[in-house]
Structure formats: C-alpha cells, structure tokens
Amino acid sequence: MDFATGTGTFLAEVLQQIFDKLPKDSGKKDLIIKEHVLKNVFGFEYLIAPYTIAHLKLSQYLKDNGYERKVKERVLYLLKEFSSLKILKPHLK
C-alpha cells in the first residue's frame, strides 16, 4: 500500500519485483495477478495530475507484461480526503 503514490514509480518497481518472481509459462500468471497482486498492491494519490500519470504507467506496465486489466480492476485510487479510505474494507479482511 502506497499512500502517496505520486507518479507510480514505487508501485511500478513493486510490480516488477513480483513479475520477476512469477512462474514463467505456468498458465497461472493471470490468476495470480488477479487473485493476489491486484488485491494486495495498491496506492492512493490526492492530486489528479500525478494520479493520471501513475494510472497510465501502471496500466501500461501490466499490459506490457501480458496482463489485460479489466475495467473494474484497480491498482490506484484517487482520494479527495482520507475519509474515502472506506474503499479499503474489501482489501482488509
């Protein structure tokens, strides 16, 4: 979890570390990304410009590594205020 994502460089590096350790050609890569990575790696940004850059960077990173992100799958959230953190409830079970 990154509370000050900025342009997403830290999260991109986290994803790189995870992708380096994923089994190659096992057929489970998409399942691991969907069920574990996207549910446990996420960030928050308050400002729209860095949020937009990070969103594009992380979406492109996933695509470049063979994962097509679905519309509702998110790695990054734009926060107007910290009371918006109720979106974390599904992640913090």
Protein backbone atom coordinates (compact mmCIF):
# COMPACT_ATOMS: atom_id res chain seq x y z
CA MET A 1 0.00 0.00 0.00
CA ASP A 2 1.38 3.36 -1.01
CA PHE A 3 -0.46 6.35 0.50
CA ALA A 4 1.46 8.91 -1.55
CA THR A 5 1.76 7.23 -4.93
CA GLY A 6 2.78 10.27 -6.94
CA THR A 7 3.53 9.13 -10.48
CA GLY A 8 3.62 5.44 -9.51
CA THR A 9 7.34 4.73 -9.67
CA PHE A 10 7.41 2.83 -6.36
CA LEU A 11 4.39 0.70 -7.30
CA ALA A 12 5.87 0.01 -10.73
CA GLU A 13 9.01 -1.30 -9.02
CA VAL A 14 6.91 -3.43 -6.66
CA LEU A 15 5.12 -4.91 -9.68
CA GLN A 16 8.49 -5.52 -11.36
CA GLN A 17 9.74 -7.43 -8.32
CA ILE A 18 6.57 -9.54 -8.28
CA PHE A 19 6.64 -10.23 -12.02
CA ASP A 20 10.29 -11.31 -11.76
CA LYS A 21 9.26 -13.99 -9.26
CA LEU A 22 6.12 -15.23 -11.03
CA PRO A 23 6.45 -18.64 -12.68
CA LYS A 24 7.01 -18.24 -16.40
CA ASP A 25 4.63 -20.07 -18.76
CA SER A 26 2.84 -21.89 -15.93
CA GLY A 27 -0.59 -20.76 -17.10
CA LYS A 28 -1.26 -19.40 -13.62
CA LYS A 29 0.19 -15.94 -14.16
CA ASP A 30 -3.15 -14.21 -14.90
CA LEU A 31 -4.82 -15.95 -11.95
CA ILE A 32 -2.02 -14.95 -9.57
CA ILE A 33 -2.18 -11.34 -10.78
CA LYS A 34 -5.98 -11.19 -10.49
CA GLU A 35 -6.37 -13.03 -7.18
CA HIS A 36 -3.29 -11.83 -5.31
CA VAL A 37 -1.42 -8.93 -6.88
CA LEU A 38 -4.38 -6.66 -7.72
CA LYS A 39 -5.96 -7.35 -4.32
CA ASN A 40 -2.82 -6.63 -2.31
CA VAL A 41 -0.83 -4.00 -4.23
CA PHE A 42 -2.49 -0.61 -4.48
CA GLY A 43 -1.82 3.05 -3.97
CA PHE A 44 -3.55 6.34 -3.30
CA GLU A 45 -2.99 9.79 -4.70
CA TYR A 46 -4.63 13.10 -3.85
CA LEU A 47 -3.62 15.17 -6.89
CA ILE A 48 -5.15 14.48 -10.30
CA ALA A 49 -2.04 15.04 -12.47
CA PRO A 50 0.27 12.52 -10.74
CA TYR A 51 -2.69 10.14 -10.35
CA THR A 52 -3.28 10.21 -14.11
CA ILE A 53 0.40 9.59 -14.87
CA ALA A 54 0.55 6.73 -12.35
CA HIS A 55 -2.66 5.18 -13.67
CA LEU A 56 -1.32 5.21 -17.23
CA LYS A 57 2.12 3.98 -16.16
CA LEU A 58 0.80 1.06 -14.09
CA SER A 59 -1.86 0.06 -16.63
CA GLN A 60 0.74 0.08 -19.40
CA TYR A 61 3.17 -1.87 -17.23
CA LEU A 62 0.59 -4.61 -16.67
CA LYS A 63 -0.24 -4.66 -20.38
CA ASP A 64 3.44 -4.83 -21.38
CA ASN A 65 3.77 -7.85 -19.11
CA GLY A 66 0.88 -9.69 -20.71
CA TYR A 67 -1.98 -8.83 -18.37
CA GLU A 68 -5.02 -7.06 -19.78
CA ARG A 69 -6.57 -5.15 -16.89
CA LYS A 70 -10.36 -5.31 -16.71
CA VAL A 71 -12.33 -2.06 -16.37
CA LYS A 72 -13.09 -2.50 -12.65
CA GLU A 73 -9.66 -3.81 -11.67
CA ARG A 74 -7.67 -1.10 -9.94
CA VAL A 75 -4.22 -0.63 -8.57
CA LEU A 76 -4.60 3.07 -7.86
CA TYR A 77 -7.26 5.23 -6.21
CA LEU A 78 -7.77 8.99 -6.36
CA LEU A 79 -8.59 10.28 -2.89
CA LYS A 80 -10.26 13.58 -2.16
CA GLU A 81 -9.90 13.05 1.57
CA PHE A 82 -8.85 10.28 3.91
CA SER A 83 -12.47 9.52 4.79
CA SER A 84 -12.53 7.95 1.33
CA LEU A 85 -10.46 5.11 2.76
CA LYS A 86 -13.64 3.08 3.28
CA ILE A 87 -12.77 1.65 -0.14
CA LEU A 88 -10.12 -0.33 1.72
CA LYS A 89 -12.62 -2.50 3.56
CA PRO A 90 -12.73 -5.22 0.89
CA HIS A 91 -8.91 -5.39 0.96
CA LEU A 92 -8.56 -5.56 4.75
CA LYS A 93 -10.42 -8.74 5.60
